[in-house]
PDB file of N, CA and C in Angstrom:
ATOM      1  N   UNK A   1     111.297  77.177 130.480  1.00  0.00           N
ATOM      2  CA  UNK A   1     110.419  78.221 129.987  1.00  0.00           C
ATOM      3  C   UNK A   1     110.993  78.695 128.596  1.00  0.00           C
ATOM      4  N   UNK A   2     110.160  78.799 127.608  1.00  0.00           N
ATOM      5  CA  UNK A   2     110.566  79.174 126.257  1.00  0.00           C
ATOM      6  C   UNK A   2     110.259  80.636 126.051  1.00  0.00           C
ATOM      7  N   UNK A   3     111.021  81.236 125.180  1.00  0.00           N
ATOM      8  CA  UNK A   3     110.790  82.642 124.872  1.00  0.00           C
ATOM      9  C   UNK A   3     109.716  82.693 123.784  1.00  0.00           C
ATOM     10  N   UNK A   4     108.925  83.726 123.782  1.00  0.00           N
ATOM     11  CA  UNK A   4     107.911  83.832 122.731  1.00  0.00           C
ATOM     12  C   UNK A   4     108.603  84.163 121.385  1.00  0.00           C
ATOM     13  N   UNK A   5     107.957  83.717 120.346  1.00  0.00           N
ATOM     14  CA  UNK A   5     108.493  83.828 119.017  1.00  0.00           C
ATOM     15  C   UNK A   5     108.210  85.357 118.545  1.00  0.00           C
ATOM     16  N   UNK A   6     109.282  86.036 118.211  1.00  0.00           N
ATOM     17  CA  UNK A   6     109.142  87.484 117.863  1.00  0.00           C
ATOM     18  C   UNK A   6     108.816  87.658 116.420  1.00  0.00           C
ATOM     19  N   UNK A   7     108.920  86.633 115.639  1.00  0.00           N
ATOM     20  CA  UNK A   7     108.632  86.801 114.222  1.00  0.00           C
ATOM     21  C   UNK A   7     107.151  86.878 113.948  1.00  0.00           C
ATOM     22  N   UNK A   8     106.257  86.454 114.813  1.00  0.00           N
ATOM     23  CA  UNK A   8     104.857  86.502 114.606  1.00  0.00           C
ATOM     24  C   UNK A   8     104.269  87.696 115.319  1.00  0.00           C
ATOM     25  N   UNK A   9     104.461  88.836 114.722  1.00  0.00           N
ATOM     26  CA  UNK A   9     103.898  90.082 115.348  1.00  0.00           C
ATOM     27  C   UNK A   9     102.602  90.516 114.601  1.00  0.00           C
ATOM     28  N   UNK A  10     101.785  91.234 115.319  1.00  0.00           N
ATOM     29  CA  UNK A  10     100.569  91.697 114.661  1.00  0.00           C
ATOM     30  C   UNK A  10     100.805  92.643 113.514  1.00  0.00           C
ATOM     31  N   UNK A  11     102.010  93.203 113.431  1.00  0.00           N
ATOM     32  CA  UNK A  11     102.311  94.178 112.275  1.00  0.00           C
ATOM     33  C   UNK A  11     102.765  93.481 111.046  1.00  0.00           C
ATOM     34  N   UNK A  12     102.809  92.122 111.079  1.00  0.00           N
ATOM     35  CA  UNK A  12     103.297  91.321 109.910  1.00  0.00           C
ATOM     36  C   UNK A  12     102.306  91.447 108.776  1.00  0.00           C
ATOM     37  N   UNK A  13     102.745  91.847 107.624  1.00  0.00           N
ATOM     38  CA  UNK A  13     102.021  91.867 106.390  1.00  0.00           C
ATOM     39  C   UNK A  13     100.806  92.845 106.495  1.00  0.00           C
ATOM     40  N   UNK A  14     100.903  93.924 107.247  1.00  0.00           N
ATOM     41  CA  UNK A  14      99.751  94.790 107.425  1.00  0.00           C
ATOM     42  C   UNK A  14      99.296  95.476 106.111  1.00  0.00           C
ATOM     43  N   UNK A  15     100.389  95.775 105.272  1.00  0.00           N
ATOM     44  CA  UNK A  15      99.996  96.464 104.003  1.00  0.00           C
ATOM     45  C   UNK A  15      99.204  95.483 103.089  1.00  0.00           C
ATOM     46  N   UNK A  16      99.696  94.289 102.971  1.00  0.00           N
ATOM     47  CA  UNK A  16      99.001  93.319 102.107  1.00  0.00           C
ATOM     48  C   UNK A  16      97.616  92.991 102.615  1.00  0.00           C
ATOM     49  N   UNK A  17      97.496  92.905 103.932  1.00  0.00           N
ATOM     50  CA  UNK A  17      96.110  92.717 104.487  1.00  0.00           C
ATOM     51  C   UNK A  17      95.205  93.861 104.279  1.00  0.00           C
ATOM     52  N   UNK A  18      95.740  95.092 104.438  1.00  0.00           N
ATOM     53  CA  UNK A  18      94.982  96.290 104.198  1.00  0.00           C
ATOM     54  C   UNK A  18      94.512  96.386 102.695  1.00  0.00           C
ATOM     55  N   UNK A  19      95.452  96.130 101.805  1.00  0.00           N
ATOM     56  CA  UNK A  19      95.028  96.153 100.384  1.00  0.00           C
ATOM     57  C   UNK A  19      94.061  95.058 100.005  1.00  0.00           C
ATOM     58  N   UNK A  20      94.182  93.885 100.606  1.00  0.00           N
ATOM     59  CA  UNK A  20      93.240  92.829 100.344  1.00  0.00           C
ATOM     60  C   UNK A  20      91.831  93.249 100.912  1.00  0.00           C
ATOM     61  N   UNK A  21      91.820  93.869 102.045  1.00  0.00           N
ATOM     62  CA  UNK A  21      90.525  94.334 102.621  1.00  0.00           C
ATOM     63  C   UNK A  21      89.899  95.475 101.823  1.00  0.00           C
ATOM     64  N   UNK A  22      90.778  96.341 101.285  1.00  0.00           N
ATOM     65  CA  UNK A  22      90.294  97.484 100.547  1.00  0.00           C
ATOM     66  C   UNK A  22      89.758  96.987  99.207  1.00  0.00           C
ATOM     67  N   UNK A  23      90.525  96.330  98.444  1.00  0.00           N
ATOM     68  CA  UNK A  23      90.127  95.982  97.089  1.00  0.00           C
ATOM     69  C   UNK A  23      89.204  94.722  96.977  1.00  0.00           C
ATOM     70  N   UNK A  24      89.617  93.612  97.556  1.00  0.00           N
ATOM     71  CA  UNK A  24      88.755  92.441  97.527  1.00  0.00           C
ATOM     72  C   UNK A  24      87.543  92.616  98.415  1.00  0.00           C
ATOM     73  N   UNK A  25      87.714  93.318  99.529  1.00  0.00           N
ATOM     74  CA  UNK A  25      86.604  93.554 100.455  1.00  0.00           C
ATOM     75  C   UNK A  25      85.565  94.440  99.814  1.00  0.00           C
ATOM     76  N   UNK A  26      85.985  95.387  99.033  1.00  0.00           N
ATOM     77  CA  UNK A  26      84.975  96.298  98.304  1.00  0.00           C
ATOM     78  C   UNK A  26      84.243  95.455  97.249  1.00  0.00           C
ATOM     79  N   UNK A  27      84.953  94.609  96.528  1.00  0.00           N
ATOM     80  CA  UNK A  27      84.280  93.723  95.554  1.00  0.00           C
ATOM     81  C   UNK A  27      83.306  92.800  96.208  1.00  0.00           C
ATOM     82  N   UNK A  28      83.656  92.271  97.312  1.00  0.00           N
ATOM     83  CA  UNK A  28      82.698  91.366  98.041  1.00  0.00           C
ATOM     84  C   UNK A  28      81.521  92.181  98.503  1.00  0.00           C
ATOM     85  N   UNK A  29      81.714  93.388  99.015  1.00  0.00           N
ATOM     86  CA  UNK A  29      80.574  94.172  99.442  1.00  0.00           C
ATOM     87  C   UNK A  29      79.655  94.586  98.325  1.00  0.00           C
ATOM     88  N   UNK A  30      80.233  94.812  97.132  1.00  0.00           N
ATOM     89  CA  UNK A  30      79.356  95.093  95.961  1.00  0.00           C
ATOM     90  C   UNK A  30      78.578  93.868  95.573  1.00  0.00           C
ATOM     91  N   UNK A  31      79.244  92.714  95.619  1.00  0.00           N
ATOM     92  CA  UNK A  31      78.573  91.500  95.203  1.00  0.00           C
ATOM     93  C   UNK A  31      77.444  91.130  96.218  1.00  0.00           C
ATOM     94  N   UNK A  32      77.656  91.278  97.518  1.00  0.00           N
ATOM     95  CA  UNK A  32      76.680  91.014  98.510  1.00  0.00           C
ATOM     96  C   UNK A  32      75.395  91.967  98.391  1.00  0.00           C
ATOM     97  N   UNK A  33      75.775  93.213  98.124  1.00  0.00           N
ATOM     98  CA  UNK A  33      74.648  94.173  97.992  1.00  0.00           C
ATOM     99  C   UNK A  33      73.921  93.923  96.688  1.00  0.00           C
ATOM    100  N   UNK A  34      74.687  93.491  95.610  1.00  0.00           N
ATOM    101  CA  UNK A  34      74.062  93.130  94.382  1.00  0.00           C
ATOM    102  C   UNK A  34      73.080  91.966  94.454  1.00  0.00           C
ATOM    103  N   UNK A  35      73.445  90.979  95.326  1.00  0.00           N
ATOM    104  CA  UNK A  35      72.496  89.875  95.569  1.00  0.00           C
ATOM    105  C   UNK A  35      71.241  90.412  96.269  1.00  0.00           C
ATOM    106  N   UNK A  36      71.458  91.342  97.221  1.00  0.00           N
ATOM    107  CA  UNK A  36      70.303  91.889  97.981  1.00  0.00           C
ATOM    108  C   UNK A  36      69.399  92.639  97.025  1.00  0.00           C
ATOM    109  N   UNK A  37      69.939  93.451  96.177  1.00  0.00           N
ATOM    110  CA  UNK A  37      69.157  94.264  95.308  1.00  0.00           C
ATOM    111  C   UNK A  37      68.403  93.449  94.211  1.00  0.00           C
ATOM    112  N   UNK A  38      69.103  92.441  93.584  1.00  0.00           N
ATOM    113  CA  UNK A  38      68.443  91.723  92.552  1.00  0.00           C
ATOM    114  C   UNK A  38      67.562  90.582  93.002  1.00  0.00           C
ATOM    115  N   UNK A  39      67.927  90.017  94.113  1.00  0.00           N
ATOM    116  CA  UNK A  39      67.164  88.806  94.519  1.00  0.00           C
ATOM    117  C   UNK A  39      66.497  88.936  95.812  1.00  0.00           C
ATOM    118  N   UNK A  40      66.524  90.121  96.456  1.00  0.00           N
ATOM    119  CA  UNK A  40      65.821  90.392  97.688  1.00  0.00           C
ATOM    120  C   UNK A  40      64.320  90.680  97.410  1.00  0.00           C
ATOM    121  N   UNK A  41      63.597  90.963  98.483  1.00  0.00           N
ATOM    122  CA  UNK A  41      62.119  91.270  98.312  1.00  0.00           C
ATOM    123  C   UNK A  41      61.917  92.510  97.386  1.00  0.00           C
ATOM    124  N   UNK A  42      61.055  92.320  96.409  1.00  0.00           N
ATOM    125  CA  UNK A  42      60.664  93.364  95.548  1.00  0.00           C
ATOM    126  C   UNK A  42      61.591  93.622  94.329  1.00  0.00           C
ATOM    127  N   UNK A  43      62.626  92.817  94.241  1.00  0.00           N
ATOM    128  CA  UNK A  43      63.605  92.898  93.102  1.00  0.00           C
ATOM    129  C   UNK A  43      64.180  94.308  93.103  1.00  0.00           C
ATOM    130  N   UNK A  44      64.666  94.781  91.966  1.00  0.00           N
ATOM    131  CA  UNK A  44      65.256  96.069  91.863  1.00  0.00           C
ATOM    132  C   UNK A  44      64.258  97.198  91.641  1.00  0.00           C
ATOM    133  N   UNK A  45      63.002  96.806  91.330  1.00  0.00           N
ATOM    134  CA  UNK A  45      61.972  97.824  91.130  1.00  0.00           C
ATOM    135  C   UNK A  45      61.493  98.531  92.342  1.00  0.00           C
ATOM    136  N   UNK A  46      61.820  98.087  93.560  1.00  0.00           N
ATOM    137  CA  UNK A  46      61.345  98.712  94.780  1.00  0.00           C
ATOM    138  C   UNK A  46      61.861 100.131  94.811  1.00  0.00           C
ATOM    139  N   UNK A  47      61.048 101.020  95.420  1.00  0.00           N
ATOM    140  CA  UNK A  47      61.371 102.418  95.361  1.00  0.00           C
ATOM    141  C   UNK A  47      62.650 102.852  96.024  1.00  0.00           C
ATOM    142  N   UNK A  48      62.771 102.619  97.330  1.00  0.00           N
ATOM    143  CA  UNK A  48      63.922 103.067  98.101  1.00  0.00           C
ATOM    144  C   UNK A  48      65.034 102.032  98.179  1.00  0.00           C
ATOM    145  N   UNK A  49      64.804 100.883  97.599  1.00  0.00           N
ATOM    146  CA  UNK A  49      65.737  99.810  97.720  1.00  0.00           C
ATOM    147  C   UNK A  49      67.141 100.105  97.212  1.00  0.00           C
ATOM    148  N   UNK A  50      67.232 100.823  96.087  1.00  0.00           N
ATOM    149  CA  UNK A  50      68.506 101.166  95.529  1.00  0.00           C
ATOM    150  C   UNK A  50      69.207 102.159  96.366  1.00  0.00           C
ATOM    151  N   UNK A  51      68.535 103.104  96.952  1.00  0.00           N
ATOM    152  CA  UNK A  51      69.222 104.088  97.838  1.00  0.00           C
ATOM    153  C   UNK A  51      69.672 103.355  99.147  1.00  0.00           C
ATOM    154  N   UNK A  52      68.867 102.462  99.649  1.00  0.00           N
ATOM    155  CA  UNK A  52      69.325 101.690 100.845  1.00  0.00           C
ATOM    156  C   UNK A  52      70.556 100.836 100.486  1.00  0.00           C
ATOM    157  N   UNK A  53      70.555 100.203  99.285  1.00  0.00           N
ATOM    158  CA  UNK A  53      71.655  99.362  98.884  1.00  0.00           C
ATOM    159  C   UNK A  53      72.970 100.232  98.784  1.00  0.00           C
ATOM    160  N   UNK A  54      72.792 101.429  98.235  1.00  0.00           N
ATOM    161  CA  UNK A  54      73.966 102.317  98.137  1.00  0.00           C
ATOM    162  C   UNK A  54      74.635 102.565  99.557  1.00  0.00           C
ATOM    163  N   UNK A  55      73.775 102.783 100.552  1.00  0.00           N
ATOM    164  CA  UNK A  55      74.304 103.047 101.876  1.00  0.00           C
ATOM    165  C   UNK A  55      74.706 101.734 102.567  1.00  0.00           C
ATOM    166  N   UNK A  56      74.295 100.593 102.097  1.00  0.00           N
ATOM    167  CA  UNK A  56      74.634  99.297 102.705  1.00  0.00           C
ATOM    168  C   UNK A  56      76.032  98.826 102.354  1.00  0.00           C
ATOM    169  N   UNK A  57      76.583  99.334 101.217  1.00  0.00           N
ATOM    170  CA  UNK A  57      77.949  98.942 100.832  1.00  0.00           C
ATOM    171  C   UNK A  57      78.953  99.330 101.862  1.00  0.00           C
ATOM    172  N   UNK A  58      78.888 100.479 102.465  1.00  0.00           N
ATOM    173  CA  UNK A  58      79.918 100.937 103.348  1.00  0.00           C
ATOM    174  C   UNK A  58      80.007 100.033 104.653  1.00  0.00           C
ATOM    175  N   UNK A  59      78.945  99.790 105.323  1.00  0.00           N
ATOM    176  CA  UNK A  59      79.102  98.918 106.541  1.00  0.00           C
ATOM    177  C   UNK A  59      79.568  97.545 106.227  1.00  0.00           C
ATOM    178  N   UNK A  60      79.076  96.932 105.112  1.00  0.00           N
ATOM    179  CA  UNK A  60      79.572  95.542 104.713  1.00  0.00           C
ATOM    180  C   UNK A  60      81.037  95.577 104.437  1.00  0.00           C
ATOM    181  N   UNK A  61      81.519  96.628 103.765  1.00  0.00           N
ATOM    182  CA  UNK A  61      82.968  96.797 103.407  1.00  0.00           C
ATOM    183  C   UNK A  61      83.771  97.013 104.631  1.00  0.00           C
ATOM    184  N   UNK A  62      83.341  97.776 105.516  1.00  0.00           N
ATOM    185  CA  UNK A  62      84.064  98.079 106.809  1.00  0.00           C
ATOM    186  C   UNK A  62      84.192  96.849 107.672  1.00  0.00           C
ATOM    187  N   UNK A  63      83.161  95.998 107.749  1.00  0.00           N
ATOM    188  CA  UNK A  63      83.251  94.767 108.482  1.00  0.00           C
ATOM    189  C   UNK A  63      84.301  93.855 107.914  1.00  0.00           C
ATOM    190  N   UNK A  64      84.363  93.767 106.588  1.00  0.00           N
ATOM    191  CA  UNK A  64      85.372  92.906 105.949  1.00  0.00           C
ATOM    192  C   UNK A  64      86.735  93.519 106.165  1.00  0.00           C
ATOM    193  N   UNK A  65      86.823  94.822 106.056  1.00  0.00           N
ATOM    194  CA  UNK A  65      88.174  95.493 106.238  1.00  0.00           C
ATOM    195  C   UNK A  65      88.652  95.436 107.666  1.00  0.00           C
ATOM    196  N   UNK A  66      87.804  95.412 108.626  1.00  0.00           N
ATOM    197  CA  UNK A  66      88.182  95.208 110.079  1.00  0.00           C
ATOM    198  C   UNK A  66      88.566  93.796 110.308  1.00  0.00           C
ATOM    199  N   UNK A  67      87.919  92.811 109.710  1.00  0.00           N
ATOM    200  CA  UNK A  67      88.215  91.415 109.934  1.00  0.00           C
ATOM    201  C   UNK A  67      89.438  90.877 109.170  1.00  0.00           C
ATOM    202  N   UNK A  68      89.951  91.666 108.266  1.00  0.00           N
ATOM    203  CA  UNK A  68      91.094  91.167 107.433  1.00  0.00           C
ATOM    204  C   UNK A  68      92.326  91.012 108.316  1.00  0.00           C
ATOM    205  N   UNK A  69      92.450  91.698 109.370  1.00  0.00           N
ATOM    206  CA  UNK A  69      93.641  91.623 110.286  1.00  0.00           C
ATOM    207  C   UNK A  69      93.653  90.350 111.094  1.00  0.00           C
ATOM    208  N   UNK A  70      92.586  89.525 111.058  1.00  0.00           N
ATOM    209  CA  UNK A  70      92.593  88.271 111.706  1.00  0.00           C
ATOM    210  C   UNK A  70      93.263  87.170 110.943  1.00  0.00           C
ATOM    211  N   UNK A  71      93.565  87.409 109.714  1.00  0.00           N
ATOM    212  CA  UNK A  71      94.230  86.402 108.890  1.00  0.00           C
ATOM    213  C   UNK A  71      95.677  86.311 109.335  1.00  0.00           C
ATOM    214  N   UNK A  72      96.298  85.116 109.272  1.00  0.00           N
ATOM    215  CA  UNK A  72      97.693  84.960 109.684  1.00  0.00           C
ATOM    216  C   UNK A  72      98.723  85.670 108.778  1.00  0.00           C
ATOM    217  N   UNK A  73      98.381  85.801 107.511  1.00  0.00           N
ATOM    218  CA  UNK A  73      99.333  86.437 106.620  1.00  0.00           C
ATOM    219  C   UNK A  73      98.560  87.227 105.545  1.00  0.00           C
ATOM    220  N   UNK A  74      99.201  88.147 104.896  1.00  0.00           N
ATOM    221  CA  UNK A  74      98.622  88.903 103.783  1.00  0.00           C
ATOM    222  C   UNK A  74      98.311  87.992 102.591  1.00  0.00           C
ATOM    223  N   UNK A  75      99.112  87.027 102.380  1.00  0.00           N
ATOM    224  CA  UNK A  75      98.857  86.102 101.248  1.00  0.00           C
ATOM    225  C   UNK A  75      97.537  85.320 101.463  1.00  0.00           C
ATOM    226  N   UNK A  76      97.418  84.866 102.712  1.00  0.00           N
ATOM    227  CA  UNK A  76      96.213  84.143 103.096  1.00  0.00           C
ATOM    228  C   UNK A  76      94.918  84.979 102.942  1.00  0.00           C
ATOM    229  N   UNK A  77      95.073  86.273 103.295  1.00  0.00           N
ATOM    230  CA  UNK A  77      93.970  87.143 103.168  1.00  0.00           C
ATOM    231  C   UNK A  77      93.573  87.380 101.712  1.00  0.00           C
ATOM    232  N   UNK A  78      94.542  87.497 100.833  1.00  0.00           N
ATOM    233  CA  UNK A  78      94.262  87.658  99.418  1.00  0.00           C
ATOM    234  C   UNK A  78      93.654  86.450  98.854  1.00  0.00           C
ATOM    235  N   UNK A  79      94.178  85.200  99.262  1.00  0.00           N
ATOM    236  CA  UNK A  79      93.624  83.992  98.702  1.00  0.00           C
ATOM    237  C   UNK A  79      92.181  83.760  99.100  1.00  0.00           C
ATOM    238  N   UNK A  80      91.880  83.958 100.383  1.00  0.00           N
ATOM    239  CA  UNK A  80      90.548  83.795 100.935  1.00  0.00           C
ATOM    240  C   UNK A  80      89.590  84.781 100.323  1.00  0.00           C
ATOM    241  N   UNK A  81      89.945  86.089 100.446  1.00  0.00           N
ATOM    242  CA  UNK A  81      89.058  87.129  99.958  1.00  0.00           C
ATOM    243  C   UNK A  81      88.906  87.074  98.425  1.00  0.00           C
ATOM    244  N   UNK A  82      90.000  86.727  97.718  1.00  0.00           N
ATOM    245  CA  UNK A  82      89.887  86.650  96.223  1.00  0.00           C
ATOM    246  C   UNK A  82      89.054  85.466  95.837  1.00  0.00           C
ATOM    247  N   UNK A  83      89.121  84.350  96.555  1.00  0.00           N
ATOM    248  CA  UNK A  83      88.266  83.191  96.271  1.00  0.00           C
ATOM    249  C   UNK A  83      86.776  83.473  96.510  1.00  0.00           C
ATOM    250  N   UNK A  84      86.519  84.179  97.630  1.00  0.00           N
ATOM    251  CA  UNK A  84      85.176  84.544  97.970  1.00  0.00           C
ATOM    252  C   UNK A  84      84.610  85.505  96.936  1.00  0.00           C
ATOM    253  N   UNK A  85      85.469  86.417  96.459  1.00  0.00           N
ATOM    254  CA  UNK A  85      85.001  87.356  95.324  1.00  0.00           C
ATOM    255  C   UNK A  85      84.669  86.627  94.106  1.00  0.00           C
ATOM    256  N   UNK A  86      85.604  85.741  93.665  1.00  0.00           N
ATOM    257  CA  UNK A  86      85.346  84.957  92.441  1.00  0.00           C
ATOM    258  C   UNK A  86      84.062  84.131  92.520  1.00  0.00           C
ATOM    259  N   UNK A  87      83.861  83.474  93.712  1.00  0.00           N
ATOM    260  CA  UNK A  87      82.714  82.627  93.891  1.00  0.00           C
ATOM    261  C   UNK A  87      81.367  83.412  93.875  1.00  0.00           C
ATOM    262  N   UNK A  88      81.500  84.601  94.539  1.00  0.00           N
ATOM    263  CA  UNK A  88      80.191  85.417  94.568  1.00  0.00           C
ATOM    264  C   UNK A  88      79.853  86.002  93.149  1.00  0.00           C
ATOM    265  N   UNK A  89      80.884  86.518  92.425  1.00  0.00           N
ATOM    266  CA  UNK A  89      80.613  87.046  91.129  1.00  0.00           C
ATOM    267  C   UNK A  89      80.213  85.988  90.104  1.00  0.00           C
ATOM    268  N   UNK A  90      80.875  84.821  90.171  1.00  0.00           N
ATOM    269  CA  UNK A  90      80.407  83.753  89.286  1.00  0.00           C
ATOM    270  C   UNK A  90      79.024  83.280  89.562  1.00  0.00           C
ATOM    271  N   UNK A  91      78.644  83.136  90.812  1.00  0.00           N
ATOM    272  CA  UNK A  91      77.288  82.724  91.154  1.00  0.00           C
ATOM    273  C   UNK A  91      76.278  83.780  90.793  1.00  0.00           C
ATOM    274  N   UNK A  92      76.672  85.049  90.961  1.00  0.00           N
ATOM    275  CA  UNK A  92      75.767  86.146  90.586  1.00  0.00           C
ATOM    276  C   UNK A  92      75.505  86.197  89.115  1.00  0.00           C
ATOM    277  N   UNK A  93      76.517  86.132  88.278  1.00  0.00           N
ATOM    278  CA  UNK A  93      76.276  86.177  86.859  1.00  0.00           C
ATOM    279  C   UNK A  93      75.669  84.917  86.312  1.00  0.00           C
ATOM    280  N   UNK A  94      75.898  83.758  86.972  1.00  0.00           N
ATOM    281  CA  UNK A  94      75.264  82.553  86.617  1.00  0.00           C
ATOM    282  C   UNK A  94      73.719  82.696  86.882  1.00  0.00           C
ATOM    283  N   UNK A  95      73.343  83.149  88.070  1.00  0.00           N
ATOM    284  CA  UNK A  95      71.952  83.354  88.315  1.00  0.00           C
ATOM    285  C   UNK A  95      71.319  84.419  87.433  1.00  0.00           C
ATOM    286  N   UNK A  96      72.005  85.469  87.115  1.00  0.00           N
ATOM    287  CA  UNK A  96      71.484  86.444  86.210  1.00  0.00           C
ATOM    288  C   UNK A  96      71.254  85.931  84.806  1.00  0.00           C
ATOM    289  N   UNK A  97      72.139  84.984  84.370  1.00  0.00           N
ATOM    290  CA  UNK A  97      71.892  84.426  83.026  1.00  0.00           C
ATOM    291  C   UNK A  97      70.754  83.440  82.999  1.00  0.00           C
ATOM    292  N   UNK A  98      70.460  82.758  84.097  1.00  0.00           N
ATOM    293  CA  UNK A  98      69.345  81.882  84.204  1.00  0.00           C
ATOM    294  C   UNK A  98      67.975  82.556  84.357  1.00  0.00           C
ATOM    295  N   UNK A  99      68.019  83.751  84.906  1.00  0.00           N
ATOM    296  CA  UNK A  99      66.721  84.409  85.121  1.00  0.00           C
ATOM    297  C   UNK A  99      66.221  85.133  83.910  1.00  0.00           C
TER     298      UNK A  99
END
């Protein structure tokens, strides 16, 4: 019978994971809501769409922030969330330049 490895605790890199969720997660939430506002039904001219989008940022951000603790390390969380952020913003601005 082997002893469990004590180096892999759930508390490992909690600060890095939290900061990745706060900063990169917020950027991802803004990008996702930006896609909804600009490319969703009715474009940005819809009446209550901008108000709904403002309130939509928080739930999207909190889902990302809650899920960030499933990453094995803080470094991996930064790499994955940073890559998703860069991909979303590049595609958003590319689509905006084409439209």
